[in-house]
Amino acid sequence: MTTFDERTGLGELTSTAERIRASVEGVIEGKPEVVRLALTVLLAEGHLLIEDVPGVGKTMLAKALARSVDCSVRRIQFTPDLLPSDVTGVSVFDQREREFEFKPGAIFAQIVIGDEINRASPKTQSALLESMEERQVTVDGHTHPLPSPFMVVATQNPVEMEGTYPLPEAQRDRFMARVSMGYPSPEAELRMLDVHGAASPLDDLQPAAHAHDVVKLVEAVREVHVAEPVRRYAVEVVSATRGHPELGLGASPRATLHLLRAAKAAAALAGREYALPDDVQSLAVPVLAHRLLPTAQARLNRRTAEQVVGDILRHVPVPDPRARRP
């Protein structure tokens, strides 16, 4: 069995990840925690959902992450008239060869940017389900594998805005984490005026890593050790959402798996070969909240899914610190 150190050194992982992070932060001002979460999801082989009001840099973050890694990138602008075949591809009859030829859609890239995903109809949104979970696309009975690494970075406007469709529960569950950009601080907004005032910093952004570097980083993250008490703690946190009186729908077993993968990636980015309960706690809200459905009474009381997850973290016992290390 190949060990963690044989695949790639921890120092190499953190230095490469640091270059990617610095590259993205050169474009996104004053949001280091958002950039770190995006990088965590990339190394955990997940997909990221960025939700906030227009104009706060959702698409800019997705583009900066894509350009910081030398991968193939495709952007899909989701609109009400977008068809599923525009995403997955279509079979076209070749008159000369007298057979059908598959024309790949925009999903065939290593990093796919889905801009304003909730402006398309649920039928078009569901075209991403197979690709996000199984990393393949089936069209007319033929299965086509997607490249590696593969990541969907989708942006969406708040559901209350005009012309939006709520993402189905199955679609939200495919995203490993959801993050909100939020408004920048006055100091960060001033720096943004200096950096973005004359030209877009994306024009001069150079790749900080290659696709094969990301594949090596992903393999290294898989080898991060997670002790049994930490795994049990993650299961207890997720299980607590399923019977909570303020939630009509709890988190799925896929959410537990995503939480554990994200914790391993966070541990590796912190320079550790083992995950801690702290990693699970820090990622519980972005990984779990978008999958939960508060009850009608909870919504009347203005209780959010994020607040419920915070309550659960305060009540679920944390494992003994002596059991944290391998």
C-alpha atoms as a PDB file:
ATOM      1  CA  MET A   1       0.000   0.000   0.000  1.00  0.00           C
ATOM      2  CA  THR A   2       1.284   3.450  -0.925  1.00  0.00           C
ATOM      3  CA  THR A   3       1.658   5.712   2.089  1.00  0.00           C
ATOM      4  CA  PHE A   4       0.833   9.371   2.444  1.00  0.00           C
ATOM      5  CA  ASP A   5       4.501  10.466   2.303  1.00  0.00           C
ATOM      6  CA  GLU A   6       5.314   8.291  -0.719  1.00  0.00           C
ATOM      7  CA  ARG A   7       2.572   9.779  -2.865  1.00  0.00           C
ATOM      8  CA  THR A   8       3.430  13.392  -2.208  1.00  0.00           C
ATOM      9  CA  GLY A   9       5.105  15.118   0.709  1.00  0.00           C
ATOM     10  CA  LEU A  10       2.997  17.166   3.075  1.00  0.00           C
ATOM     11  CA  GLY A  11       5.232  20.150   2.401  1.00  0.00           C
ATOM     12  CA  GLU A  12       4.667  19.822  -1.339  1.00  0.00           C
ATOM     13  CA  LEU A  13       0.914  19.643  -0.822  1.00  0.00           C
ATOM     14  CA  THR A  14       0.747  22.732   1.353  1.00  0.00           C
ATOM     15  CA  SER A  15       3.102  24.752  -0.875  1.00  0.00           C
ATOM     16  CA  THR A  16       1.128  23.948  -4.032  1.00  0.00           C
ATOM     17  CA  ALA A  17      -2.167  24.679  -2.288  1.00  0.00           C
ATOM     18  CA  GLU A  18      -0.707  27.920  -0.951  1.00  0.00           C
ATOM     19  CA  ARG A  19       0.205  29.038  -4.467  1.00  0.00           C
ATOM     20  CA  ILE A  20      -3.332  28.371  -5.677  1.00  0.00           C
ATOM     21  CA  ARG A  21      -4.813  30.177  -2.673  1.00  0.00           C
ATOM     22  CA  ALA A  22      -2.558  33.224  -3.133  1.00  0.00           C
ATOM     23  CA  SER A  23      -3.436  33.339  -6.824  1.00  0.00           C
ATOM     24  CA  VAL A  24      -7.177  33.388  -6.106  1.00  0.00           C
ATOM     25  CA  GLU A  25      -6.840  35.906  -3.273  1.00  0.00           C
ATOM     26  CA  GLY A  26      -5.054  38.232  -5.690  1.00  0.00           C
ATOM     27  CA  VAL A  27      -8.415  38.577  -7.430  1.00  0.00           C
ATOM     28  CA  ILE A  28     -10.896  38.178  -4.560  1.00  0.00           C
ATOM     29  CA  GLU A  29     -10.256  40.908  -1.997  1.00  0.00           C
ATOM     30  CA  GLY A  30     -10.881  40.395   1.727  1.00  0.00           C
ATOM     31  CA  LYS A  31     -12.442  36.900   1.585  1.00  0.00           C
ATOM     32  CA  PRO A  32      -9.699  34.475   2.722  1.00  0.00           C
ATOM     33  CA  GLU A  33     -12.144  32.089   4.428  1.00  0.00           C
ATOM     34  CA  VAL A  34     -14.248  31.789   1.245  1.00  0.00           C
ATOM     35  CA  VAL A  35     -11.159  31.106  -0.875  1.00  0.00           C
ATOM     36  CA  ARG A  36      -9.938  28.486   1.594  1.00  0.00           C
ATOM     37  CA  LEU A  37     -13.286  26.699   1.526  1.00  0.00           C
ATOM     38  CA  ALA A  38     -13.266  26.646  -2.283  1.00  0.00           C
ATOM     39  CA  LEU A  39      -9.791  25.103  -2.251  1.00  0.00           C
ATOM     40  CA  THR A  40     -10.885  22.581   0.380  1.00  0.00           C
ATOM     41  CA  VAL A  41     -13.776  21.443  -1.811  1.00  0.00           C
ATOM     42  CA  LEU A  42     -11.469  21.116  -4.840  1.00  0.00           C
ATOM     43  CA  LEU A  43      -9.043  18.847  -2.959  1.00  0.00           C
ATOM     44  CA  ALA A  44     -11.914  16.846  -1.441  1.00  0.00           C
ATOM     45  CA  GLU A  45     -13.260  15.992  -4.930  1.00  0.00           C
ATOM     46  CA  GLY A  46     -16.471  17.898  -4.307  1.00  0.00           C
ATOM     47  CA  HIS A  47     -18.550  20.592  -5.968  1.00  0.00           C
ATOM     48  CA  LEU A  48     -19.109  24.124  -4.691  1.00  0.00           C
ATOM     49  CA  LEU A  49     -22.302  26.200  -4.620  1.00  0.00           C
ATOM     50  CA  ILE A  50     -21.794  29.965  -4.258  1.00  0.00           C
ATOM     51  CA  GLU A  51     -24.951  31.811  -3.244  1.00  0.00           C
ATOM     52  CA  ASP A  52     -25.428  35.543  -2.763  1.00  0.00           C
ATOM     53  CA  VAL A  53     -26.919  38.682  -4.269  1.00  0.00           C
ATOM     54  CA  PRO A  54     -25.645  39.914  -7.653  1.00  0.00           C
ATOM     55  CA  GLY A  55     -22.421  41.882  -7.847  1.00  0.00           C
ATOM     56  CA  VAL A  56     -20.460  40.506  -4.873  1.00  0.00           C
ATOM     57  CA  GLY A  57     -17.987  38.408  -6.893  1.00  0.00           C
ATOM     58  CA  LYS A  58     -19.571  34.955  -7.192  1.00  0.00           C
ATOM     59  CA  THR A  59     -18.599  34.432 -10.825  1.00  0.00           C
ATOM     60  CA  MET A  60     -15.255  36.139 -10.251  1.00  0.00           C
ATOM     61  CA  LEU A  61     -14.382  33.605  -7.549  1.00  0.00           C
ATOM     62  CA  ALA A  62     -15.323  30.698  -9.815  1.00  0.00           C
ATOM     63  CA  LYS A  63     -13.256  32.095 -12.688  1.00  0.00           C
ATOM     64  CA  ALA A  64     -10.260  32.863 -10.476  1.00  0.00           C
ATOM     65  CA  LEU A  65     -10.211  29.323  -9.087  1.00  0.00           C
ATOM     66  CA  ALA A  66     -10.500  27.872 -12.590  1.00  0.00           C
ATOM     67  CA  ARG A  67      -7.693  30.024 -14.014  1.00  0.00           C
ATOM     68  CA  SER A  68      -5.408  29.370 -11.045  1.00  0.00           C
ATOM     69  CA  VAL A  69      -5.311  25.707 -12.040  1.00  0.00           C
ATOM     70  CA  ASP A  70      -4.160  24.829 -15.556  1.00  0.00           C
ATOM     71  CA  CYS A  71      -7.259  22.754 -16.345  1.00  0.00           C
ATOM     72  CA  SER A  72      -9.804  22.786 -19.121  1.00  0.00           C
ATOM     73  CA  VAL A  73     -12.575  25.237 -18.210  1.00  0.00           C
ATOM     74  CA  ARG A  74     -16.085  25.663 -19.625  1.00  0.00           C
ATOM     75  CA  ARG A  75     -18.728  28.129 -18.544  1.00  0.00           C
ATOM     76  CA  ILE A  76     -22.480  27.532 -18.797  1.00  0.00           C
ATOM     77  CA  GLN A  77     -24.784  30.532 -18.497  1.00  0.00           C
ATOM     78  CA  PHE A  78     -28.017  29.059 -17.142  1.00  0.00           C
ATOM     79  CA  THR A  79     -31.128  30.695 -18.579  1.00  0.00           C
ATOM     80  CA  PRO A  80     -34.813  29.638 -18.721  1.00  0.00           C
ATOM     81  CA  ASP A  81     -34.433  28.462 -22.345  1.00  0.00           C
ATOM     82  CA  LEU A  82     -31.303  26.344 -21.748  1.00  0.00           C
ATOM     83  CA  LEU A  83     -31.858  22.685 -22.699  1.00  0.00           C
ATOM     84  CA  PRO A  84     -30.390  19.577 -20.999  1.00  0.00           C
ATOM     85  CA  SER A  85     -28.643  18.659 -24.275  1.00  0.00           C
ATOM     86  CA  ASP A  86     -26.812  22.010 -24.166  1.00  0.00           C
ATOM     87  CA  VAL A  87     -25.191  20.779 -20.958  1.00  0.00           C
ATOM     88  CA  THR A  88     -24.584  17.077 -21.603  1.00  0.00           C
ATOM     89  CA  GLY A  89     -24.240  16.973 -25.399  1.00  0.00           C
ATOM     90  CA  VAL A  90     -26.234  15.493 -28.260  1.00  0.00           C
ATOM     91  CA  SER A  91     -25.924  12.746 -30.890  1.00  0.00           C
ATOM     92  CA  VAL A  92     -25.924  14.090 -34.466  1.00  0.00           C
ATOM     93  CA  PHE A  93     -26.390  11.922 -37.547  1.00  0.00           C
ATOM     94  CA  ASP A  94     -23.350  11.990 -39.845  1.00  0.00           C
ATOM     95  CA  GLN A  95     -24.522  11.789 -43.446  1.00  0.00           C
ATOM     96  CA  ARG A  96     -21.155  10.628 -44.802  1.00  0.00           C
ATOM     97  CA  GLU A  97     -20.471   7.955 -42.183  1.00  0.00           C
ATOM     98  CA  ARG A  98     -24.156   6.983 -41.967  1.00  0.00           C
ATOM     99  CA  GLU A  99     -24.031   6.827 -38.167  1.00  0.00           C
ATOM    100  CA  PHE A 100     -24.665   9.013 -35.144  1.00  0.00           C
ATOM    101  CA  GLU A 101     -21.763  11.045 -33.779  1.00  0.00           C
ATOM    102  CA  PHE A 102     -21.718  12.358 -30.214  1.00  0.00           C
ATOM    103  CA  LYS A 103     -21.079  16.077 -29.825  1.00  0.00           C
ATOM    104  CA  PRO A 104     -19.951  16.726 -26.209  1.00  0.00           C
ATOM    105  CA  GLY A 105     -21.702  19.460 -24.264  1.00  0.00           C
ATOM    106  CA  ALA A 106     -20.222  22.086 -21.975  1.00  0.00           C
ATOM    107  CA  ILE A 107     -20.022  19.643 -19.054  1.00  0.00           C
ATOM    108  CA  PHE A 108     -16.978  17.971 -20.643  1.00  0.00           C
ATOM    109  CA  ALA A 109     -14.304  20.010 -18.869  1.00  0.00           C
ATOM    110  CA  GLN A 110     -12.244  19.646 -15.715  1.00  0.00           C
ATOM    111  CA  ILE A 111     -13.710  22.740 -14.068  1.00  0.00           C
ATOM    112  CA  VAL A 112     -17.258  23.686 -15.076  1.00  0.00           C
ATOM    113  CA  ILE A 113     -18.644  27.078 -14.085  1.00  0.00           C
ATOM    114  CA  GLY A 114     -22.443  27.060 -13.851  1.00  0.00           C
ATOM    115  CA  ASP A 115     -23.412  30.721 -13.702  1.00  0.00           C
ATOM    116  CA  GLU A 116     -26.795  31.519 -12.100  1.00  0.00           C
ATOM    117  CA  ILE A 117     -27.755  27.862 -12.029  1.00  0.00           C
ATOM    118  CA  ASN A 118     -31.171  28.512 -10.491  1.00  0.00           C
ATOM    119  CA  ARG A 119     -32.330  30.610 -13.464  1.00  0.00           C
ATOM    120  CA  ALA A 120     -32.724  27.418 -15.531  1.00  0.00           C
ATOM    121  CA  SER A 121     -35.691  25.083 -15.274  1.00  0.00           C
ATOM    122  CA  PRO A 122     -35.520  22.070 -12.921  1.00  0.00           C
ATOM    123  CA  LYS A 123     -35.338  19.807 -15.994  1.00  0.00           C
ATOM    124  CA  THR A 124     -32.101  21.466 -17.120  1.00  0.00           C
ATOM    125  CA  GLN A 125     -30.720  21.572 -13.585  1.00  0.00           C
ATOM    126  CA  SER A 126     -31.182  17.812 -13.323  1.00  0.00           C
ATOM    127  CA  ALA A 127     -28.895  17.323 -16.355  1.00  0.00           C
ATOM    128  CA  LEU A 128     -25.999  17.774 -13.921  1.00  0.00           C
ATOM    129  CA  LEU A 129     -27.042  15.021 -11.500  1.00  0.00           C
ATOM    130  CA  GLU A 130     -25.234  12.076 -13.101  1.00  0.00           C
ATOM    131  CA  SER A 131     -22.100  14.023 -13.945  1.00  0.00           C
ATOM    132  CA  MET A 132     -21.701  15.454 -10.440  1.00  0.00           C
ATOM    133  CA  GLU A 133     -22.152  12.133  -8.648  1.00  0.00           C
ATOM    134  CA  GLU A 134     -20.721   9.539 -11.049  1.00  0.00           C
ATOM    135  CA  ARG A 135     -18.402  11.737 -13.160  1.00  0.00           C
ATOM    136  CA  GLN A 136     -19.908  10.443 -16.368  1.00  0.00           C
ATOM    137  CA  VAL A 137     -22.648  11.358 -18.847  1.00  0.00           C
ATOM    138  CA  THR A 138     -25.093   8.944 -20.473  1.00  0.00           C
ATOM    139  CA  VAL A 139     -26.654  10.050 -23.769  1.00  0.00           C
ATOM    140  CA  ASP A 140     -28.730   7.751 -26.014  1.00  0.00           C
ATOM    141  CA  GLY A 141     -27.657   4.693 -24.043  1.00  0.00           C
ATOM    142  CA  HIS A 142     -23.914   5.403 -24.304  1.00  0.00           C
ATOM    143  CA  THR A 143     -21.839   6.379 -21.275  1.00  0.00           C
ATOM    144  CA  HIS A 144     -19.045   8.933 -21.664  1.00  0.00           C
ATOM    145  CA  PRO A 145     -16.519   9.442 -18.816  1.00  0.00           C
ATOM    146  CA  LEU A 146     -15.598  12.932 -17.683  1.00  0.00           C
ATOM    147  CA  PRO A 147     -11.993  14.140 -17.248  1.00  0.00           C
ATOM    148  CA  SER A 148     -10.122  14.168 -13.957  1.00  0.00           C
ATOM    149  CA  PRO A 149     -10.053  16.271 -11.855  1.00  0.00           C
ATOM    150  CA  PHE A 150     -13.682  17.309 -12.269  1.00  0.00           C
ATOM    151  CA  MET A 151     -15.402  20.050 -10.303  1.00  0.00           C
ATOM    152  CA  VAL A 152     -18.613  22.030 -10.758  1.00  0.00           C
ATOM    153  CA  VAL A 153     -18.547  25.554  -9.343  1.00  0.00           C
ATOM    154  CA  ALA A 154     -22.089  26.900  -9.527  1.00  0.00           C
ATOM    155  CA  THR A 155     -23.396  30.327  -8.587  1.00  0.00           C
ATOM    156  CA  GLN A 156     -26.982  31.103  -7.704  1.00  0.00           C
ATOM    157  CA  ASN A 157     -29.001  34.130  -6.666  1.00  0.00           C
ATOM    158  CA  PRO A 158     -31.225  34.001  -3.588  1.00  0.00           C
ATOM    159  CA  VAL A 159     -34.464  32.152  -4.303  1.00  0.00           C
ATOM    160  CA  GLU A 160     -36.533  35.208  -3.403  1.00  0.00           C
ATOM    161  CA  MET A 161     -35.222  37.087  -6.470  1.00  0.00           C
ATOM    162  CA  GLU A 162     -37.372  37.300  -9.604  1.00  0.00           C
ATOM    163  CA  GLY A 163     -36.862  34.652 -12.288  1.00  0.00           C
ATOM    164  CA  THR A 164     -35.238  31.990 -10.105  1.00  0.00           C
ATOM    165  CA  TYR A 165     -36.166  28.329  -9.526  1.00  0.00           C
ATOM    166  CA  PRO A 166     -35.268  26.618  -6.236  1.00  0.00           C
ATOM    167  CA  LEU A 167     -32.735  23.831  -6.714  1.00  0.00           C
ATOM    168  CA  PRO A 168     -34.264  20.370  -6.113  1.00  0.00           C
ATOM    169  CA  GLU A 169     -33.170  18.570  -2.942  1.00  0.00           C
ATOM    170  CA  ALA A 170     -31.284  15.961  -5.006  1.00  0.00           C
ATOM    171  CA  GLN A 171     -29.355  18.726  -6.773  1.00  0.00           C
ATOM    172  CA  ARG A 172     -28.390  20.520  -3.558  1.00  0.00           C
ATOM    173  CA  ASP A 173     -27.241  17.241  -2.044  1.00  0.00           C
ATOM    174  CA  ARG A 174     -24.688  16.838  -4.866  1.00  0.00           C
ATOM    175  CA  PHE A 175     -22.864  19.994  -3.787  1.00  0.00           C
ATOM    176  CA  MET A 176     -20.300  19.333  -1.082  1.00  0.00           C
ATOM    177  CA  ALA A 177     -20.511  22.839   0.352  1.00  0.00           C
ATOM    178  CA  ARG A 178     -22.342  26.112  -0.021  1.00  0.00           C
ATOM    179  CA  VAL A 179     -20.746  29.469   0.691  1.00  0.00           C
ATOM    180  CA  SER A 180     -22.024  33.033   0.709  1.00  0.00           C
ATOM    181  CA  MET A 181     -19.649  35.760  -0.439  1.00  0.00           C
ATOM    182  CA  GLY A 182     -21.106  38.606   1.611  1.00  0.00           C
ATOM    183  CA  TYR A 183     -20.306  42.265   1.140  1.00  0.00           C
ATOM    184  CA  PRO A 184     -16.632  43.248   1.461  1.00  0.00           C
ATOM    185  CA  SER A 185     -15.356  45.460   4.245  1.00  0.00           C
ATOM    186  CA  PRO A 186     -14.791  49.145   3.373  1.00  0.00           C
ATOM    187  CA  GLU A 187     -11.011  48.591   3.324  1.00  0.00           C
ATOM    188  CA  ALA A 188     -11.318  45.595   0.988  1.00  0.00           C
ATOM    189  CA  GLU A 189     -13.703  47.533  -1.244  1.00  0.00           C
ATOM    190  CA  LEU A 190     -11.188  50.388  -1.475  1.00  0.00           C
ATOM    191  CA  ARG A 191      -8.450  47.938  -2.488  1.00  0.00           C
ATOM    192  CA  MET A 192     -10.844  46.454  -5.023  1.00  0.00           C
ATOM    193  CA  LEU A 193     -11.276  49.881  -6.621  1.00  0.00           C
ATOM    194  CA  ASP A 194      -7.499  50.156  -7.018  1.00  0.00           C
ATOM    195  CA  VAL A 195      -7.036  46.632  -8.388  1.00  0.00           C
ATOM    196  CA  HIS A 196     -10.158  46.356 -10.554  1.00  0.00           C
ATOM    197  CA  GLY A 197     -10.520  50.017 -11.497  1.00  0.00           C
ATOM    198  CA  ALA A 198      -8.243  50.041 -14.556  1.00  0.00           C
ATOM    199  CA  ALA A 199      -8.476  46.418 -15.729  1.00  0.00           C
ATOM    200  CA  SER A 200      -9.668  43.028 -14.595  1.00  0.00           C
ATOM    201  CA  PRO A 201      -6.997  41.118 -12.613  1.00  0.00           C
ATOM    202  CA  LEU A 202      -8.235  37.931 -14.303  1.00  0.00           C
ATOM    203  CA  ASP A 203      -6.540  39.103 -17.501  1.00  0.00           C
ATOM    204  CA  ASP A 204      -3.073  38.744 -15.928  1.00  0.00           C
ATOM    205  CA  LEU A 205      -3.816  35.685 -13.770  1.00  0.00           C
ATOM    206  CA  GLN A 206      -1.406  32.835 -14.523  1.00  0.00           C
ATOM    207  CA  PRO A 207      -1.936  29.185 -13.495  1.00  0.00           C
ATOM    208  CA  ALA A 208      -0.354  28.363 -10.141  1.00  0.00           C
ATOM    209  CA  ALA A 209      -0.640  24.572 -10.617  1.00  0.00           C
ATOM    210  CA  HIS A 210      -1.356  22.030 -13.327  1.00  0.00           C
ATOM    211  CA  ALA A 211      -4.083  19.421 -13.540  1.00  0.00           C
ATOM    212  CA  HIS A 212      -1.684  16.598 -12.650  1.00  0.00           C
ATOM    213  CA  ASP A 213      -0.656  18.557  -9.530  1.00  0.00           C
ATOM    214  CA  VAL A 214      -4.286  18.678  -8.418  1.00  0.00           C
ATOM    215  CA  VAL A 215      -4.633  14.927  -9.017  1.00  0.00           C
ATOM    216  CA  LYS A 216      -1.586  14.313  -6.792  1.00  0.00           C
ATOM    217  CA  LEU A 217      -3.015  16.583  -4.105  1.00  0.00           C
ATOM    218  CA  VAL A 218      -6.339  14.735  -4.215  1.00  0.00           C
ATOM    219  CA  GLU A 219      -4.550  11.400  -3.815  1.00  0.00           C
ATOM    220  CA  ALA A 220      -2.611  12.781  -0.835  1.00  0.00           C
ATOM    221  CA  VAL A 221      -5.801  14.020   0.825  1.00  0.00           C
ATOM    222  CA  ARG A 222      -7.295  10.531   0.533  1.00  0.00           C
ATOM    223  CA  GLU A 223      -4.474   9.222   2.746  1.00  0.00           C
ATOM    224  CA  VAL A 224      -5.184  11.620   5.634  1.00  0.00           C
ATOM    225  CA  HIS A 225      -5.932   9.568   8.740  1.00  0.00           C
ATOM    226  CA  VAL A 226      -9.317   9.887  10.455  1.00  0.00           C
ATOM    227  CA  ALA A 227      -9.520   8.166  13.842  1.00  0.00           C
ATOM    228  CA  GLU A 228     -12.618   6.172  14.753  1.00  0.00           C
ATOM    229  CA  PRO A 229     -13.795   8.707  17.405  1.00  0.00           C
ATOM    230  CA  VAL A 230     -13.642  11.504  14.814  1.00  0.00           C
ATOM    231  CA  ARG A 231     -15.616   9.424  12.303  1.00  0.00           C
ATOM    232  CA  ARG A 232     -18.189   8.638  14.976  1.00  0.00           C
ATOM    233  CA  TYR A 233     -18.406  12.328  15.887  1.00  0.00           C
ATOM    234  CA  ALA A 234     -19.178  13.221  12.249  1.00  0.00           C
ATOM    235  CA  VAL A 235     -21.885  10.558  12.128  1.00  0.00           C
ATOM    236  CA  GLU A 236     -23.455  11.823  15.361  1.00  0.00           C
ATOM    237  CA  VAL A 237     -23.534  15.415  14.095  1.00  0.00           C
ATOM    238  CA  VAL A 238     -25.234  14.412  10.852  1.00  0.00           C
ATOM    239  CA  SER A 239     -27.613  11.996  12.602  1.00  0.00           C
ATOM    240  CA  ALA A 240     -28.730  14.770  14.943  1.00  0.00           C
ATOM    241  CA  THR A 241     -30.169  16.670  11.964  1.00  0.00           C
ATOM    242  CA  ARG A 242     -32.510  13.795  11.064  1.00  0.00           C
ATOM    243  CA  GLY A 243     -34.549  13.919  14.245  1.00  0.00           C
ATOM    244  CA  HIS A 244     -34.312  17.615  15.058  1.00  0.00           C
ATOM    245  CA  PRO A 245     -37.753  19.148  15.787  1.00  0.00           C
ATOM    246  CA  GLU A 246     -36.982  22.257  13.717  1.00  0.00           C
ATOM    247  CA  LEU A 247     -36.007  20.332  10.585  1.00  0.00           C
ATOM    248  CA  GLY A 248     -38.421  18.677   8.176  1.00  0.00           C
ATOM    249  CA  LEU A 249     -35.560  17.054   6.251  1.00  0.00           C
ATOM    250  CA  GLY A 250     -32.203  16.068   7.709  1.00  0.00           C
ATOM    251  CA  ALA A 251     -28.872  15.420   6.046  1.00  0.00           C
ATOM    252  CA  SER A 252     -28.255  12.283   3.980  1.00  0.00           C
ATOM    253  CA  PRO A 253     -25.479   9.668   4.330  1.00  0.00           C
ATOM    254  CA  ARG A 254     -23.860  11.418   1.344  1.00  0.00           C
ATOM    255  CA  ALA A 255     -23.588  14.480   3.581  1.00  0.00           C
ATOM    256  CA  THR A 256     -21.650  12.432   6.148  1.00  0.00           C
ATOM    257  CA  LEU A 257     -19.244  11.277   3.454  1.00  0.00           C
ATOM    258  CA  HIS A 258     -18.799  14.827   2.150  1.00  0.00           C
ATOM    259  CA  LEU A 259     -18.206  16.133   5.669  1.00  0.00           C
ATOM    260  CA  LEU A 260     -15.483  13.557   6.277  1.00  0.00           C
ATOM    261  CA  ARG A 261     -13.787  14.206   2.924  1.00  0.00           C
ATOM    262  CA  ALA A 262     -13.831  17.952   3.530  1.00  0.00           C
ATOM    263  CA  ALA A 263     -12.379  17.467   7.021  1.00  0.00           C
ATOM    264  CA  LYS A 264      -9.512  15.447   5.546  1.00  0.00           C
ATOM    265  CA  ALA A 265      -8.797  18.161   2.993  1.00  0.00           C
ATOM    266  CA  ALA A 266      -8.883  20.851   5.683  1.00  0.00           C
ATOM    267  CA  ALA A 267      -6.448  18.835   7.800  1.00  0.00           C
ATOM    268  CA  ALA A 268      -4.051  18.477   4.863  1.00  0.00           C
ATOM    269  CA  LEU A 269      -4.221  22.215   4.114  1.00  0.00           C
ATOM    270  CA  ALA A 270      -3.372  22.854   7.773  1.00  0.00           C
ATOM    271  CA  GLY A 271      -0.265  20.662   7.431  1.00  0.00           C
ATOM    272  CA  ARG A 272      -1.618  17.685   9.373  1.00  0.00           C
ATOM    273  CA  GLU A 273      -1.746  14.026   8.344  1.00  0.00           C
ATOM    274  CA  TYR A 274      -4.750  13.416  10.591  1.00  0.00           C
ATOM    275  CA  ALA A 275      -8.167  15.049  10.963  1.00  0.00           C
ATOM    276  CA  LEU A 276      -9.459  16.571  14.191  1.00  0.00           C
ATOM    277  CA  PRO A 277     -12.971  17.148  15.526  1.00  0.00           C
ATOM    278  CA  ASP A 278     -12.172  20.835  14.974  1.00  0.00           C
ATOM    279  CA  ASP A 279     -12.070  20.177  11.218  1.00  0.00           C
ATOM    280  CA  VAL A 280     -15.528  18.609  11.372  1.00  0.00           C
ATOM    281  CA  GLN A 281     -16.885  21.513  13.425  1.00  0.00           C
ATOM    282  CA  SER A 282     -15.468  24.212  11.142  1.00  0.00           C
ATOM    283  CA  LEU A 283     -17.008  22.621   8.038  1.00  0.00           C
ATOM    284  CA  ALA A 284     -20.351  21.447   9.450  1.00  0.00           C
ATOM    285  CA  VAL A 285     -22.281  24.603   8.517  1.00  0.00           C
ATOM    286  CA  PRO A 286     -21.087  24.986   4.890  1.00  0.00           C
ATOM    287  CA  VAL A 287     -21.393  21.232   4.242  1.00  0.00           C
ATOM    288  CA  LEU A 288     -24.738  20.546   5.950  1.00  0.00           C
ATOM    289  CA  ALA A 289     -26.867  23.709   6.023  1.00  0.00           C
ATOM    290  CA  HIS A 290     -27.878  23.816   2.346  1.00  0.00           C
ATOM    291  CA  ARG A 291     -29.174  20.223   2.542  1.00  0.00           C
ATOM    292  CA  LEU A 292     -31.574  20.882   5.433  1.00  0.00           C
ATOM    293  CA  LEU A 293     -35.206  21.995   5.237  1.00  0.00           C
ATOM    294  CA  PRO A 294     -36.466  23.913   8.289  1.00  0.00           C
ATOM    295  CA  THR A 295     -40.073  23.300   9.284  1.00  0.00           C
ATOM    296  CA  ALA A 296     -42.769  25.915   8.693  1.00  0.00           C
ATOM    297  CA  GLN A 297     -42.760  26.770  12.400  1.00  0.00           C
ATOM    298  CA  ALA A 298     -38.969  27.259  12.366  1.00  0.00           C
ATOM    299  CA  ARG A 299     -39.271  29.606   9.401  1.00  0.00           C
ATOM    300  CA  LEU A 300     -41.996  31.573  11.206  1.00  0.00           C
ATOM    301  CA  ASN A 301     -39.587  31.899  14.134  1.00  0.00           C
ATOM    302  CA  ARG A 302     -36.922  33.118  11.660  1.00  0.00           C
ATOM    303  CA  ARG A 303     -34.711  30.155  12.443  1.00  0.00           C
ATOM    304  CA  THR A 304     -32.204  29.274   9.704  1.00  0.00           C
ATOM    305  CA  ALA A 305     -30.568  25.953   8.929  1.00  0.00           C
ATOM    306  CA  GLU A 306     -27.213  27.480   9.874  1.00  0.00           C
ATOM    307  CA  GLN A 307     -28.501  28.301  13.361  1.00  0.00           C
ATOM    308  CA  VAL A 308     -29.836  24.759  13.798  1.00  0.00           C
ATOM    309  CA  VAL A 309     -26.458  23.262  12.840  1.00  0.00           C
ATOM    310  CA  GLY A 310     -24.795  25.579  15.342  1.00  0.00           C
ATOM    311  CA  ASP A 311     -27.120  24.331  18.079  1.00  0.00           C
ATOM    312  CA  ILE A 312     -26.339  20.732  17.172  1.00  0.00           C
ATOM    313  CA  LEU A 313     -22.593  21.381  17.373  1.00  0.00           C
ATOM    314  CA  ARG A 314     -23.040  22.818  20.853  1.00  0.00           C
ATOM    315  CA  HIS A 315     -24.947  19.761  22.093  1.00  0.00           C
ATOM    316  CA  VAL A 316     -23.132  16.807  20.449  1.00  0.00           C
ATOM    317  CA  PRO A 317     -20.256  15.702  22.731  1.00  0.00           C
ATOM    318  CA  VAL A 318     -16.784  16.233  21.275  1.00  0.00           C
ATOM    319  CA  PRO A 319     -14.415  13.207  21.372  1.00  0.00           C
ATOM    320  CA  ASP A 320     -11.655  12.950  23.958  1.00  0.00           C
ATOM    321  CA  PRO A 321      -8.612  14.985  22.775  1.00  0.00           C
ATOM    322  CA  ARG A 322      -6.372  11.998  23.477  1.00  0.00           C
ATOM    323  CA  ALA A 323      -8.159  10.079  20.693  1.00  0.00           C
ATOM    324  CA  ARG A 324      -7.591  12.763  18.095  1.00  0.00           C
ATOM    325  CA  ARG A 325      -4.192  11.683  16.791  1.00  0.00           C
ATOM    326  CA  PRO A 326      -3.463   8.419  14.967  1.00  0.00           C
END
